[in-house]
Amino acid sequence: MCIGMMKKNNKHVLKPENIKIITPYNSNVFEMQKRIPNIAIGTVDKFQGQEAPVVIYSLASSSPEDAPRGMEFLYSPNRLNVAVSRARAMFIMVGNPRIFEPDCKSPEQIKLANSFCRFIELAETK
């Protein structure tokens, strides 16, 4: 598998050490580490200051209402920014489409959901 690097358009073989998987929850980190060997997996806090060619952000929640620490934690703009900014070439967000259809009950929740909704507007979805 190859990946085109955005800045120089060079191609490199994608290796496990070129990928980081980020998730908001420690419990999800532990479950993924059991199932996905040889890939660095951790929370946003663990990867602060680190980068990788490919970052996969696993939201690990079916909907904002199901988020273990609530919408404020899951939709934190700081967490999303850190996750996105770790990627040097490709950022992949994995989650249930319901994450992008929050039932906001206050202006603060609308602000939180805005960056996620904007992301999906700009992203290539598969």
C-alpha atoms as a PDB file:
ATOM      1  CA  MET A   1       0.000   0.000   0.000  1.00  0.00           C
ATOM      2  CA  CYS A   2       1.350   3.447  -0.913  1.00  0.00           C
ATOM      3  CA  ILE A   3       0.464   6.919   0.169  1.00  0.00           C
ATOM      4  CA  GLY A   4       1.196  10.146  -1.677  1.00  0.00           C
ATOM      5  CA  MET A   5       2.755  12.732   0.604  1.00  0.00           C
ATOM      6  CA  MET A   6       0.936  16.041   0.116  1.00  0.00           C
ATOM      7  CA  LYS A   7       3.877  18.452   0.268  1.00  0.00           C
ATOM      8  CA  LYS A   8       6.292  16.870  -2.210  1.00  0.00           C
ATOM      9  CA  ASN A   9       4.038  14.371  -3.939  1.00  0.00           C
ATOM     10  CA  ASN A  10       6.573  11.639  -3.156  1.00  0.00           C
ATOM     11  CA  LYS A  11       5.389   8.098  -2.639  1.00  0.00           C
ATOM     12  CA  HIS A  12       6.373   5.961   0.313  1.00  0.00           C
ATOM     13  CA  VAL A  13       5.435   2.496   1.472  1.00  0.00           C
ATOM     14  CA  LEU A  14       2.974   2.811   4.317  1.00  0.00           C
ATOM     15  CA  LYS A  15       4.268   0.919   7.371  1.00  0.00           C
ATOM     16  CA  PRO A  16       2.630   0.386  10.778  1.00  0.00           C
ATOM     17  CA  GLU A  17       4.924   2.992  12.347  1.00  0.00           C
ATOM     18  CA  ASN A  18       3.504   5.578   9.899  1.00  0.00           C
ATOM     19  CA  ILE A  19       0.027   5.260  11.426  1.00  0.00           C
ATOM     20  CA  LYS A  20      -1.394   6.467  14.719  1.00  0.00           C
ATOM     21  CA  ILE A  21      -4.908   5.725  15.925  1.00  0.00           C
ATOM     22  CA  ILE A  22      -6.372   8.291  18.277  1.00  0.00           C
ATOM     23  CA  THR A  23      -9.536   7.854  20.304  1.00  0.00           C
ATOM     24  CA  PRO A  24     -11.059   9.975  23.074  1.00  0.00           C
ATOM     25  CA  TYR A  25     -11.462   7.132  25.565  1.00  0.00           C
ATOM     26  CA  ASN A  26      -8.914   4.946  27.376  1.00  0.00           C
ATOM     27  CA  SER A  27     -11.298   1.992  27.351  1.00  0.00           C
ATOM     28  CA  ASN A  28     -11.346   2.113  23.554  1.00  0.00           C
ATOM     29  CA  VAL A  29      -7.547   2.360  23.460  1.00  0.00           C
ATOM     30  CA  PHE A  30      -7.263  -0.874  25.473  1.00  0.00           C
ATOM     31  CA  GLU A  31      -9.757  -2.742  23.274  1.00  0.00           C
ATOM     32  CA  MET A  32      -8.101  -1.633  20.028  1.00  0.00           C
ATOM     33  CA  GLN A  33      -4.615  -2.497  21.319  1.00  0.00           C
ATOM     34  CA  LYS A  34      -5.806  -6.089  21.812  1.00  0.00           C
ATOM     35  CA  ARG A  35      -7.048  -6.299  18.211  1.00  0.00           C
ATOM     36  CA  ILE A  36      -4.627  -4.128  16.197  1.00  0.00           C
ATOM     37  CA  PRO A  37      -0.990  -5.060  16.803  1.00  0.00           C
ATOM     38  CA  ASN A  38       1.986  -2.941  15.752  1.00  0.00           C
ATOM     39  CA  ILE A  39       0.033   0.331  15.469  1.00  0.00           C
ATOM     40  CA  ALA A  40       0.418   3.160  17.996  1.00  0.00           C
ATOM     41  CA  ILE A  41      -2.968   3.683  19.658  1.00  0.00           C
ATOM     42  CA  GLY A  42      -3.751   6.242  22.316  1.00  0.00           C
ATOM     43  CA  THR A  43      -5.780   9.200  23.427  1.00  0.00           C
ATOM     44  CA  VAL A  44      -5.304  12.749  22.196  1.00  0.00           C
ATOM     45  CA  ASP A  45      -3.323  13.454  25.355  1.00  0.00           C
ATOM     46  CA  LYS A  46      -0.845  10.656  24.643  1.00  0.00           C
ATOM     47  CA  PHE A  47      -0.032  11.929  21.155  1.00  0.00           C
ATOM     48  CA  GLN A  48       0.264  15.619  22.027  1.00  0.00           C
ATOM     49  CA  GLY A  49       3.339  16.883  20.175  1.00  0.00           C
ATOM     50  CA  GLN A  50       3.712  13.753  18.013  1.00  0.00           C
ATOM     51  CA  GLU A  51       2.942  13.401  14.302  1.00  0.00           C
ATOM     52  CA  ALA A  52       2.434  10.613  11.779  1.00  0.00           C
ATOM     53  CA  PRO A  53       1.803  10.498   8.034  1.00  0.00           C
ATOM     54  CA  VAL A  54      -1.600   8.916   8.705  1.00  0.00           C
ATOM     55  CA  VAL A  55      -3.826   9.543  11.710  1.00  0.00           C
ATOM     56  CA  ILE A  56      -7.063   7.660  12.246  1.00  0.00           C
ATOM     57  CA  TYR A  57      -9.442   9.259  14.743  1.00  0.00           C
ATOM     58  CA  SER A  58     -11.899   6.695  16.113  1.00  0.00           C
ATOM     59  CA  LEU A  59     -14.792   8.441  17.826  1.00  0.00           C
ATOM     60  CA  ALA A  60     -15.853   5.250  19.627  1.00  0.00           C
ATOM     61  CA  SER A  61     -19.403   6.408  20.255  1.00  0.00           C
ATOM     62  CA  SER A  62     -22.595   5.739  18.303  1.00  0.00           C
ATOM     63  CA  SER A  63     -24.113   9.142  18.966  1.00  0.00           C
ATOM     64  CA  PRO A  64     -23.454  12.256  21.031  1.00  0.00           C
ATOM     65  CA  GLU A  65     -26.118  11.078  23.464  1.00  0.00           C
ATOM     66  CA  ASP A  66     -24.232   7.796  24.011  1.00  0.00           C
ATOM     67  CA  ALA A  67     -20.846   9.454  24.580  1.00  0.00           C
ATOM     68  CA  PRO A  68     -19.488   8.269  27.945  1.00  0.00           C
ATOM     69  CA  ARG A  69     -18.331  11.699  29.103  1.00  0.00           C
ATOM     70  CA  GLY A  70     -21.025  13.635  27.287  1.00  0.00           C
ATOM     71  CA  MET A  71     -21.101  15.785  24.221  1.00  0.00           C
ATOM     72  CA  GLU A  72     -18.728  18.372  25.705  1.00  0.00           C
ATOM     73  CA  PHE A  73     -15.898  15.833  25.908  1.00  0.00           C
ATOM     74  CA  LEU A  74     -16.527  14.078  22.585  1.00  0.00           C
ATOM     75  CA  TYR A  75     -16.925  17.317  20.617  1.00  0.00           C
ATOM     76  CA  SER A  76     -14.123  19.227  22.313  1.00  0.00           C
ATOM     77  CA  PRO A  77     -12.629  21.521  19.636  1.00  0.00           C
ATOM     78  CA  ASN A  78      -9.231  21.245  21.331  1.00  0.00           C
ATOM     79  CA  ARG A  79      -9.283  17.436  21.112  1.00  0.00           C
ATOM     80  CA  LEU A  80     -10.340  17.523  17.465  1.00  0.00           C
ATOM     81  CA  ASN A  81      -7.675  20.106  16.650  1.00  0.00           C
ATOM     82  CA  VAL A  82      -4.918  18.068  18.305  1.00  0.00           C
ATOM     83  CA  ALA A  83      -6.079  14.896  16.523  1.00  0.00           C
ATOM     84  CA  VAL A  84      -6.209  16.569  13.102  1.00  0.00           C
ATOM     85  CA  SER A  85      -2.928  18.401  13.537  1.00  0.00           C
ATOM     86  CA  ARG A  86      -1.040  15.132  14.253  1.00  0.00           C
ATOM     87  CA  ALA A  87      -1.553  14.046  10.605  1.00  0.00           C
ATOM     88  CA  ARG A  88       1.140  15.007   8.115  1.00  0.00           C
ATOM     89  CA  ALA A  89      -0.544  13.548   5.013  1.00  0.00           C
ATOM     90  CA  MET A  90      -3.939  12.011   5.777  1.00  0.00           C
ATOM     91  CA  PHE A  91      -6.503  12.304   8.550  1.00  0.00           C
ATOM     92  CA  ILE A  92      -9.285   9.719   8.723  1.00  0.00           C
ATOM     93  CA  MET A  93     -12.211  10.143  11.094  1.00  0.00           C
ATOM     94  CA  VAL A  94     -14.134   6.961  11.847  1.00  0.00           C
ATOM     95  CA  GLY A  95     -17.522   7.135  13.475  1.00  0.00           C
ATOM     96  CA  ASN A  96     -21.208   6.535  13.200  1.00  0.00           C
ATOM     97  CA  PRO A  97     -22.917   9.092  10.907  1.00  0.00           C
ATOM     98  CA  ARG A  98     -25.209   9.979  13.828  1.00  0.00           C
ATOM     99  CA  ILE A  99     -22.228  11.752  15.411  1.00  0.00           C
ATOM    100  CA  PHE A 100     -22.691  14.412  12.750  1.00  0.00           C
ATOM    101  CA  GLU A 101     -26.388  14.899  13.533  1.00  0.00           C
ATOM    102  CA  PRO A 102     -26.345  16.067  17.158  1.00  0.00           C
ATOM    103  CA  ASP A 103     -29.488  17.141  18.973  1.00  0.00           C
ATOM    104  CA  CYS A 104     -28.133  20.411  20.354  1.00  0.00           C
ATOM    105  CA  LYS A 105     -30.017  21.902  23.270  1.00  0.00           C
ATOM    106  CA  SER A 106     -28.028  25.092  23.842  1.00  0.00           C
ATOM    107  CA  PRO A 107     -25.879  27.623  21.964  1.00  0.00           C
ATOM    108  CA  GLU A 108     -22.804  26.097  23.656  1.00  0.00           C
ATOM    109  CA  GLN A 109     -23.628  22.660  22.231  1.00  0.00           C
ATOM    110  CA  ILE A 110     -24.129  24.182  18.778  1.00  0.00           C
ATOM    111  CA  LYS A 111     -20.646  25.720  19.025  1.00  0.00           C
ATOM    112  CA  LEU A 112     -19.195  22.344  20.019  1.00  0.00           C
ATOM    113  CA  ALA A 113     -20.884  20.503  17.153  1.00  0.00           C
ATOM    114  CA  ASN A 114     -19.965  23.162  14.612  1.00  0.00           C
ATOM    115  CA  SER A 115     -16.358  22.024  14.069  1.00  0.00           C
ATOM    116  CA  PHE A 116     -17.459  18.409  13.557  1.00  0.00           C
ATOM    117  CA  CYS A 117     -20.186  19.431  11.147  1.00  0.00           C
ATOM    118  CA  ARG A 118     -17.770  21.691   9.258  1.00  0.00           C
ATOM    119  CA  PHE A 119     -15.273  18.853   9.060  1.00  0.00           C
ATOM    120  CA  ILE A 120     -17.810  16.568   7.409  1.00  0.00           C
ATOM    121  CA  GLU A 121     -18.752  19.327   4.944  1.00  0.00           C
ATOM    122  CA  LEU A 122     -15.122  19.595   3.809  1.00  0.00           C
ATOM    123  CA  ALA A 123     -14.164  15.918   3.997  1.00  0.00           C
ATOM    124  CA  GLU A 124     -14.293  13.213   1.399  1.00  0.00           C
ATOM    125  CA  THR A 125     -16.686  10.656   2.842  1.00  0.00           C
ATOM    126  CA  LYS A 126     -16.452   6.974   2.047  1.00  0.00           C
END
